[in-house]
Amino acid sequence: TNQRLGKIPLVLGMPVVICQNFDVEGGVVNGSRGILKKIRYRVNSDGNRQAISCVVHVPDTSNEPMPNLPEHDVVVLADTTDM
């Protein structure tokens, strides 16, 4: 990350913690732990990749899976933080 704040390398298979309530009823809440399975990127005008969504395997989920996703896999959308 070259010591820059706000830049986190994403590696498939890495453990992640959900930090927003995406689906309270389904169990995808702040503090949920999972494993990163897939990353979707957008390329900005400078040619840099920016993550826009991820698929995370969260074993504690309870709702029906989304179409075309295995059970306990959830989509997490990008969030931004200004520092």
PDB file of N, CA and C in Angstrom:
ATOM      1  N   THR A   1       0.813  -1.209   0.000  1.00  0.00           N
ATOM      2  CA  THR A   1       0.000   0.000   0.000  1.00  0.00           C
ATOM      3  C   THR A   1       0.847   1.259   0.000  1.00  0.00           C
ATOM      4  N   ASN A   2       2.147   1.145   0.013  1.00  0.00           N
ATOM      5  CA  ASN A   2       3.053   2.306   0.023  1.00  0.00           C
ATOM      6  C   ASN A   2       2.746   3.262   1.151  1.00  0.00           C
ATOM      7  N   GLN A   3       2.306   2.735   2.295  1.00  0.00           N
ATOM      8  CA  GLN A   3       2.054   3.528   3.495  1.00  0.00           C
ATOM      9  C   GLN A   3       0.953   4.562   3.337  1.00  0.00           C
ATOM     10  N   ARG A   4       0.055   4.381   2.370  1.00  0.00           N
ATOM     11  CA  ARG A   4      -1.064   5.312   2.183  1.00  0.00           C
ATOM     12  C   ARG A   4      -2.268   4.830   2.954  1.00  0.00           C
ATOM     13  N   LEU A   5      -2.889   5.737   3.708  1.00  0.00           N
ATOM     14  CA  LEU A   5      -4.111   5.389   4.425  1.00  0.00           C
ATOM     15  C   LEU A   5      -5.238   5.130   3.433  1.00  0.00           C
ATOM     16  N   GLY A   6      -6.105   4.218   3.772  1.00  0.00           N
ATOM     17  CA  GLY A   6      -7.272   3.963   2.949  1.00  0.00           C
ATOM     18  C   GLY A   6      -7.045   2.961   1.837  1.00  0.00           C
ATOM     19  N   LYS A   7      -5.848   2.447   1.696  1.00  0.00           N
ATOM     20  CA  LYS A   7      -5.552   1.459   0.669  1.00  0.00           C
ATOM     21  C   LYS A   7      -5.319   0.117   1.332  1.00  0.00           C
ATOM     22  N   ILE A   8      -6.148  -0.863   1.027  1.00  0.00           N
ATOM     23  CA  ILE A   8      -6.010  -2.183   1.614  1.00  0.00           C
ATOM     24  C   ILE A   8      -5.901  -3.191   0.473  1.00  0.00           C
ATOM     25  N   PRO A   9      -4.827  -3.984   0.457  1.00  0.00           N
ATOM     26  CA  PRO A   9      -4.744  -5.011  -0.589  1.00  0.00           C
ATOM     27  C   PRO A   9      -5.805  -6.081  -0.342  1.00  0.00           C
ATOM     28  N   LEU A  10      -6.545  -6.418  -1.373  1.00  0.00           N
ATOM     29  CA  LEU A  10      -7.563  -7.461  -1.276  1.00  0.00           C
ATOM     30  C   LEU A  10      -7.023  -8.726  -1.930  1.00  0.00           C
ATOM     31  N   VAL A  11      -7.068  -9.826  -1.186  1.00  0.00           N
ATOM     32  CA  VAL A  11      -6.557 -11.095  -1.672  1.00  0.00           C
ATOM     33  C   VAL A  11      -7.657 -12.139  -1.511  1.00  0.00           C
ATOM     34  N   LEU A  12      -7.979 -12.833  -2.596  1.00  0.00           N
ATOM     35  CA  LEU A  12      -8.982 -13.890  -2.503  1.00  0.00           C
ATOM     36  C   LEU A  12      -8.562 -14.897  -1.440  1.00  0.00           C
ATOM     37  N   GLY A  13      -9.523 -15.289  -0.597  1.00  0.00           N
ATOM     38  CA  GLY A  13      -9.259 -16.226   0.477  1.00  0.00           C
ATOM     39  C   GLY A  13      -8.918 -15.562   1.800  1.00  0.00           C
ATOM     40  N   MET A  14      -8.758 -14.242   1.793  1.00  0.00           N
ATOM     41  CA  MET A  14      -8.417 -13.562   3.047  1.00  0.00           C
ATOM     42  C   MET A  14      -9.642 -13.431   3.940  1.00  0.00           C
ATOM     43  N   PRO A  15      -9.455 -13.463   5.265  1.00  0.00           N
ATOM     44  CA  PRO A  15     -10.583 -13.239   6.169  1.00  0.00           C
ATOM     45  C   PRO A  15     -10.979 -11.767   6.151  1.00  0.00           C
ATOM     46  N   VAL A  16     -12.276 -11.514   6.234  1.00  0.00           N
ATOM     47  CA  VAL A  16     -12.787 -10.145   6.260  1.00  0.00           C
ATOM     48  C   VAL A  16     -13.845 -10.022   7.351  1.00  0.00           C
ATOM     49  N   VAL A  17     -14.071  -8.792   7.796  1.00  0.00           N
ATOM     50  CA  VAL A  17     -15.118  -8.495   8.760  1.00  0.00           C
ATOM     51  C   VAL A  17     -16.041  -7.473   8.119  1.00  0.00           C
ATOM     52  N   ILE A  18     -17.338  -7.768   8.089  1.00  0.00           N
ATOM     53  CA  ILE A  18     -18.337  -6.836   7.564  1.00  0.00           C
ATOM     54  C   ILE A  18     -18.485  -5.700   8.585  1.00  0.00           C
ATOM     55  N   CYS A  19     -18.477  -4.461   8.107  1.00  0.00           N
ATOM     56  CA  CYS A  19     -18.557  -3.331   9.050  1.00  0.00           C
ATOM     57  C   CYS A  19     -19.795  -2.465   8.816  1.00  0.00           C
ATOM     58  N   GLN A  20     -20.800  -3.007   8.151  1.00  0.00           N
ATOM     59  CA  GLN A  20     -22.094  -2.344   7.983  1.00  0.00           C
ATOM     60  C   GLN A  20     -23.184  -3.406   8.058  1.00  0.00           C
ATOM     61  N   ASN A  21     -24.372  -2.973   8.423  1.00  0.00           N
ATOM     62  CA  ASN A  21     -25.519  -3.881   8.407  1.00  0.00           C
ATOM     63  C   ASN A  21     -26.090  -3.927   6.989  1.00  0.00           C
ATOM     64  N   PHE A  22     -25.760  -4.968   6.233  1.00  0.00           N
ATOM     65  CA  PHE A  22     -26.265  -5.109   4.866  1.00  0.00           C
ATOM     66  C   PHE A  22     -27.599  -5.834   4.834  1.00  0.00           C
ATOM     67  N   ASP A  23     -27.761  -6.847   5.666  1.00  0.00           N
ATOM     68  CA  ASP A  23     -28.980  -7.656   5.682  1.00  0.00           C
ATOM     69  C   ASP A  23     -29.169  -8.200   7.096  1.00  0.00           C
ATOM     70  N   VAL A  24     -29.773  -7.381   7.958  1.00  0.00           N
ATOM     71  CA  VAL A  24     -29.922  -7.752   9.369  1.00  0.00           C
ATOM     72  C   VAL A  24     -30.707  -9.046   9.507  1.00  0.00           C
ATOM     73  N   GLU A  25     -31.813  -9.155   8.804  1.00  0.00           N
ATOM     74  CA  GLU A  25     -32.654 -10.352   8.887  1.00  0.00           C
ATOM     75  C   GLU A  25     -31.896 -11.601   8.446  1.00  0.00           C
ATOM     76  N   GLY A  26     -31.029 -11.445   7.438  1.00  0.00           N
ATOM     77  CA  GLY A  26     -30.282 -12.587   6.916  1.00  0.00           C
ATOM     78  C   GLY A  26     -28.979 -12.864   7.639  1.00  0.00           C
ATOM     79  N   GLY A  27     -28.589 -11.980   8.569  1.00  0.00           N
ATOM     80  CA  GLY A  27     -27.384 -12.215   9.345  1.00  0.00           C
ATOM     81  C   GLY A  27     -26.120 -11.582   8.802  1.00  0.00           C
ATOM     82  N   VAL A  28     -26.238 -10.711   7.778  1.00  0.00           N
ATOM     83  CA  VAL A  28     -25.065 -10.022   7.248  1.00  0.00           C
ATOM     84  C   VAL A  28     -25.016  -8.655   7.924  1.00  0.00           C
ATOM     85  N   VAL A  29     -24.348  -8.620   9.081  1.00  0.00           N
ATOM     86  CA  VAL A  29     -24.379  -7.440   9.941  1.00  0.00           C
ATOM     87  C   VAL A  29     -22.969  -7.022  10.342  1.00  0.00           C
ATOM     88  N   ASN A  30     -22.886  -5.824  10.922  1.00  0.00           N
ATOM     89  CA  ASN A  30     -21.630  -5.308  11.436  1.00  0.00           C
ATOM     90  C   ASN A  30     -21.009  -6.337  12.377  1.00  0.00           C
ATOM     91  N   GLY A  31     -19.784  -6.749  12.085  1.00  0.00           N
ATOM     92  CA  GLY A  31     -19.092  -7.744  12.903  1.00  0.00           C
ATOM     93  C   GLY A  31     -19.108  -9.149  12.326  1.00  0.00           C
ATOM     94  N   SER A  32     -19.923  -9.389  11.277  1.00  0.00           N
ATOM     95  CA  SER A  32     -19.927 -10.714  10.642  1.00  0.00           C
ATOM     96  C   SER A  32     -18.550 -10.997  10.047  1.00  0.00           C
ATOM     97  N   ARG A  33     -18.105 -12.225  10.191  1.00  0.00           N
ATOM     98  CA  ARG A  33     -16.806 -12.622   9.653  1.00  0.00           C
ATOM     99  C   ARG A  33     -17.005 -13.558   8.469  1.00  0.00           C
ATOM    100  N   GLY A  34     -16.134 -13.411   7.480  1.00  0.00           N
ATOM    101  CA  GLY A  34     -16.232 -14.256   6.306  1.00  0.00           C
ATOM    102  C   GLY A  34     -14.909 -14.356   5.572  1.00  0.00           C
ATOM    103  N   ILE A  35     -14.957 -14.985   4.412  1.00  0.00           N
ATOM    104  CA  ILE A  35     -13.783 -15.186   3.561  1.00  0.00           C
ATOM    105  C   ILE A  35     -14.069 -14.554   2.200  1.00  0.00           C
ATOM    106  N   LEU A  36     -13.145 -13.733   1.710  1.00  0.00           N
ATOM    107  CA  LEU A  36     -13.289 -13.060   0.419  1.00  0.00           C
ATOM    108  C   LEU A  36     -13.175 -14.084  -0.710  1.00  0.00           C
ATOM    109  N   LYS A  37     -14.208 -14.126  -1.577  1.00  0.00           N
ATOM    110  CA  LYS A  37     -14.235 -15.112  -2.658  1.00  0.00           C
ATOM    111  C   LYS A  37     -14.087 -14.505  -4.050  1.00  0.00           C
ATOM    112  N   LYS A  38     -14.576 -13.261  -4.247  1.00  0.00           N
ATOM    113  CA  LYS A  38     -14.537 -12.659  -5.577  1.00  0.00           C
ATOM    114  C   LYS A  38     -14.562 -11.142  -5.422  1.00  0.00           C
ATOM    115  N   ILE A  39     -13.884 -10.438  -6.336  1.00  0.00           N
ATOM    116  CA  ILE A  39     -13.841  -8.974  -6.312  1.00  0.00           C
ATOM    117  C   ILE A  39     -14.201  -8.457  -7.704  1.00  0.00           C
ATOM    118  N   ARG A  40     -15.062  -7.447  -7.737  1.00  0.00           N
ATOM    119  CA  ARG A  40     -15.419  -6.789  -9.001  1.00  0.00           C
ATOM    120  C   ARG A  40     -14.829  -5.383  -8.964  1.00  0.00           C
ATOM    121  N   TYR A  41     -14.104  -5.015 -10.027  1.00  0.00           N
ATOM    122  CA  TYR A  41     -13.404  -3.735 -10.081  1.00  0.00           C
ATOM    123  C   TYR A  41     -13.973  -2.805 -11.144  1.00  0.00           C
ATOM    124  N   ARG A  42     -13.680  -1.519 -10.970  1.00  0.00           N
ATOM    125  CA  ARG A  42     -13.895  -0.496 -11.993  1.00  0.00           C
ATOM    126  C   ARG A  42     -12.523   0.156 -12.192  1.00  0.00           C
ATOM    127  N   VAL A  43     -12.194   0.531 -13.414  1.00  0.00           N
ATOM    128  CA  VAL A  43     -10.934   1.213 -13.692  1.00  0.00           C
ATOM    129  C   VAL A  43     -11.229   2.703 -13.837  1.00  0.00           C
ATOM    130  N   ASN A  44     -10.525   3.541 -13.036  1.00  0.00           N
ATOM    131  CA  ASN A  44     -10.778   4.986 -13.097  1.00  0.00           C
ATOM    132  C   ASN A  44     -10.002   5.622 -14.253  1.00  0.00           C
ATOM    133  N   SER A  45     -10.130   6.916 -14.400  1.00  0.00           N
ATOM    134  CA  SER A  45      -9.519   7.623 -15.531  1.00  0.00           C
ATOM    135  C   SER A  45      -7.988   7.588 -15.483  1.00  0.00           C
ATOM    136  N   ASP A  46      -7.404   7.319 -14.314  1.00  0.00           N
ATOM    137  CA  ASP A  46      -5.947   7.211 -14.186  1.00  0.00           C
ATOM    138  C   ASP A  46      -5.454   5.792 -14.429  1.00  0.00           C
ATOM    139  N   GLY A  47      -6.376   4.869 -14.700  1.00  0.00           N
ATOM    140  CA  GLY A  47      -6.009   3.487 -14.937  1.00  0.00           C
ATOM    141  C   GLY A  47      -5.891   2.646 -13.678  1.00  0.00           C
ATOM    142  N   ASN A  48      -6.291   3.201 -12.533  1.00  0.00           N
ATOM    143  CA  ASN A  48      -6.245   2.457 -11.275  1.00  0.00           C
ATOM    144  C   ASN A  48      -7.535   1.672 -11.071  1.00  0.00           C
ATOM    145  N   ARG A  49      -7.396   0.447 -10.534  1.00  0.00           N
ATOM    146  CA  ARG A  49      -8.577  -0.361 -10.237  1.00  0.00           C
ATOM    147  C   ARG A  49      -9.158   0.037  -8.890  1.00  0.00           C
ATOM    148  N   GLN A  50     -10.495   0.111  -8.825  1.00  0.00           N
ATOM    149  CA  GLN A  50     -11.204   0.396  -7.584  1.00  0.00           C
ATOM    150  C   GLN A  50     -12.251  -0.688  -7.397  1.00  0.00           C
ATOM    151  N   ALA A  51     -12.242  -1.313  -6.216  1.00  0.00           N
ATOM    152  CA  ALA A  51     -13.220  -2.355  -5.927  1.00  0.00           C
ATOM    153  C   ALA A  51     -14.607  -1.738  -5.814  1.00  0.00           C
ATOM    154  N   ILE A  52     -15.598  -2.334  -6.487  1.00  0.00           N
ATOM    155  CA  ILE A  52     -16.974  -1.830  -6.391  1.00  0.00           C
ATOM    156  C   ILE A  52     -17.898  -2.827  -5.702  1.00  0.00           C
ATOM    157  N   SER A  53     -17.526  -4.101  -5.695  1.00  0.00           N
ATOM    158  CA  SER A  53     -18.298  -5.095  -4.944  1.00  0.00           C
ATOM    159  C   SER A  53     -17.437  -6.341  -4.736  1.00  0.00           C
ATOM    160  N   CYS A  54     -17.818  -7.091  -3.721  1.00  0.00           N
ATOM    161  CA  CYS A  54     -17.114  -8.339  -3.396  1.00  0.00           C
ATOM    162  C   CYS A  54     -18.145  -9.405  -3.069  1.00  0.00           C
ATOM    163  N   VAL A  55     -17.756 -10.645  -3.274  1.00  0.00           N
ATOM    164  CA  VAL A  55     -18.544 -11.777  -2.791  1.00  0.00           C
ATOM    165  C   VAL A  55     -17.773 -12.342  -1.606  1.00  0.00           C
ATOM    166  N   VAL A  56     -18.486 -12.472  -0.482  1.00  0.00           N
ATOM    167  CA  VAL A  56     -17.879 -12.965   0.757  1.00  0.00           C
ATOM    168  C   VAL A  56     -18.685 -14.168   1.237  1.00  0.00           C
ATOM    169  N   HIS A  57     -17.977 -15.224   1.633  1.00  0.00           N
ATOM    170  CA  HIS A  57     -18.627 -16.394   2.222  1.00  0.00           C
ATOM    171  C   HIS A  57     -18.767 -16.125   3.720  1.00  0.00           C
ATOM    172  N   VAL A  58     -20.018 -15.982   4.191  1.00  0.00           N
ATOM    173  CA  VAL A  58     -20.312 -15.702   5.595  1.00  0.00           C
ATOM    174  C   VAL A  58     -21.127 -16.883   6.131  1.00  0.00           C
ATOM    175  N   PRO A  59     -20.492 -17.778   6.881  1.00  0.00           N
ATOM    176  CA  PRO A  59     -21.173 -19.001   7.331  1.00  0.00           C
ATOM    177  C   PRO A  59     -22.416 -18.768   8.188  1.00  0.00           C
ATOM    178  N   ASP A  60     -22.512 -17.632   8.858  1.00  0.00           N
ATOM    179  CA  ASP A  60     -23.626 -17.387   9.780  1.00  0.00           C
ATOM    180  C   ASP A  60     -24.880 -16.824   9.124  1.00  0.00           C
ATOM    181  N   THR A  61     -24.933 -16.736   7.813  1.00  0.00           N
ATOM    182  CA  THR A  61     -26.127 -16.187   7.166  1.00  0.00           C
ATOM    183  C   THR A  61     -27.272 -17.176   7.228  1.00  0.00           C
ATOM    184  N   SER A  62     -28.506 -16.629   7.172  1.00  0.00           N
ATOM    185  CA  SER A  62     -29.665 -17.511   7.317  1.00  0.00           C
ATOM    186  C   SER A  62     -30.693 -17.379   6.197  1.00  0.00           C
ATOM    187  N   ASN A  63     -30.612 -16.361   5.361  1.00  0.00           N
ATOM    188  CA  ASN A  63     -31.591 -16.179   4.289  1.00  0.00           C
ATOM    189  C   ASN A  63     -31.279 -17.054   3.085  1.00  0.00           C
ATOM    190  N   GLU A  64     -32.226 -17.114   2.160  1.00  0.00           N
ATOM    191  CA  GLU A  64     -32.022 -17.821   0.901  1.00  0.00           C
ATOM    192  C   GLU A  64     -30.863 -17.169   0.152  1.00  0.00           C
ATOM    193  N   PRO A  65     -30.032 -17.966  -0.521  1.00  0.00           N
ATOM    194  CA  PRO A  65     -28.930 -17.368  -1.281  1.00  0.00           C
ATOM    195  C   PRO A  65     -29.451 -16.556  -2.466  1.00  0.00           C
ATOM    196  N   MET A  66     -28.650 -15.586  -2.878  1.00  0.00           N
ATOM    197  CA  MET A  66     -28.990 -14.810  -4.068  1.00  0.00           C
ATOM    198  C   MET A  66     -28.884 -15.719  -5.285  1.00  0.00           C
ATOM    199  N   PRO A  67     -29.623 -15.393  -6.352  1.00  0.00           N
ATOM    200  CA  PRO A  67     -29.528 -16.220  -7.571  1.00  0.00           C
ATOM    201  C   PRO A  67     -28.078 -16.325  -8.048  1.00  0.00           C
ATOM    202  N   ASN A  68     -27.681 -17.483  -8.470  1.00  0.00           N
ATOM    203  CA  ASN A  68     -26.349 -17.776  -9.016  1.00  0.00           C
ATOM    204  C   ASN A  68     -25.222 -17.722  -7.994  1.00  0.00           C
ATOM    205  N   LEU A  69     -25.553 -17.672  -6.695  1.00  0.00           N
ATOM    206  CA  LEU A  69     -24.527 -17.712  -5.661  1.00  0.00           C
ATOM    207  C   LEU A  69     -24.752 -18.933  -4.769  1.00  0.00           C
ATOM    208  N   PRO A  70     -23.668 -19.559  -4.325  1.00  0.00           N
ATOM    209  CA  PRO A  70     -23.814 -20.675  -3.394  1.00  0.00           C
ATOM    210  C   PRO A  70     -24.380 -20.199  -2.050  1.00  0.00           C
ATOM    211  N   GLU A  71     -24.900 -21.134  -1.277  1.00  0.00           N
ATOM    212  CA  GLU A  71     -25.420 -20.825   0.048  1.00  0.00           C
ATOM    213  C   GLU A  71     -24.326 -20.187   0.902  1.00  0.00           C
ATOM    214  N   HIS A  72     -24.696 -19.186   1.671  1.00  0.00           N
ATOM    215  CA  HIS A  72     -23.819 -18.439   2.579  1.00  0.00           C
ATOM    216  C   HIS A  72     -22.861 -17.489   1.868  1.00  0.00           C
ATOM    217  N   ASP A  73     -22.957 -17.326   0.555  1.00  0.00           N
ATOM    218  CA  ASP A  73     -22.179 -16.308  -0.149  1.00  0.00           C
ATOM    219  C   ASP A  73     -23.041 -15.065  -0.297  1.00  0.00           C
ATOM    220  N   VAL A  74     -22.475 -13.907   0.046  1.00  0.00           N
ATOM    221  CA  VAL A  74     -23.220 -12.650  -0.004  1.00  0.00           C
ATOM    222  C   VAL A  74     -22.420 -11.609  -0.774  1.00  0.00           C
ATOM    223  N   VAL A  75     -23.130 -10.641  -1.345  1.00  0.00           N
ATOM    224  CA  VAL A  75     -22.494  -9.543  -2.058  1.00  0.00           C
ATOM    225  C   VAL A  75     -22.356  -8.375  -1.099  1.00  0.00           C
ATOM    226  N   VAL A  76     -21.163  -7.822  -1.055  1.00  0.00           N
ATOM    227  CA  VAL A  76     -20.883  -6.644  -0.236  1.00  0.00           C
ATOM    228  C   VAL A  76     -20.511  -5.527  -1.182  1.00  0.00           C
ATOM    229  N   LEU A  77     -21.179  -4.387  -1.028  1.00  0.00           N
ATOM    230  CA  LEU A  77     -20.965  -3.249  -1.915  1.00  0.00           C
ATOM    231  C   LEU A  77     -19.883  -2.322  -1.375  1.00  0.00           C
ATOM    232  N   ALA A  78     -19.279  -1.575  -2.279  1.00  0.00           N
ATOM    233  CA  ALA A  78     -18.210  -0.637  -1.886  1.00  0.00           C
ATOM    234  C   ALA A  78     -18.739   0.459  -0.990  1.00  0.00           C
ATOM    235  N   ASP A  79     -17.867   0.942  -0.130  1.00  0.00           N
ATOM    236  CA  ASP A  79     -18.167   2.067   0.748  1.00  0.00           C
ATOM    237  C   ASP A  79     -16.949   2.977   0.718  1.00  0.00           C
ATOM    238  N   THR A  80     -17.154   4.247   0.961  1.00  0.00           N
ATOM    239  CA  THR A  80     -16.023   5.175   0.978  1.00  0.00           C
ATOM    240  C   THR A  80     -15.985   5.887   2.318  1.00  0.00           C
ATOM    241  N   THR A  81     -14.778   6.254   2.687  1.00  0.00           N
ATOM    242  CA  THR A  81     -14.565   7.004   3.913  1.00  0.00           C
ATOM    243  C   THR A  81     -13.609   8.142   3.616  1.00  0.00           C
ATOM    244  N   ASP A  82     -13.975   9.350   3.992  1.00  0.00           N
ATOM    245  CA  ASP A  82     -13.086  10.485   3.834  1.00  0.00           C
ATOM    246  C   ASP A  82     -12.296  10.680   5.114  1.00  0.00           C
ATOM    247  N   MET A  83     -11.005  10.821   4.971  1.00  0.00           N
ATOM    248  CA  MET A  83     -10.149  11.009   6.160  1.00  0.00           C
ATOM    249  C   MET A  83      -9.464  12.352   6.079  1.00  0.00           C
TER     250      MET A  83
END
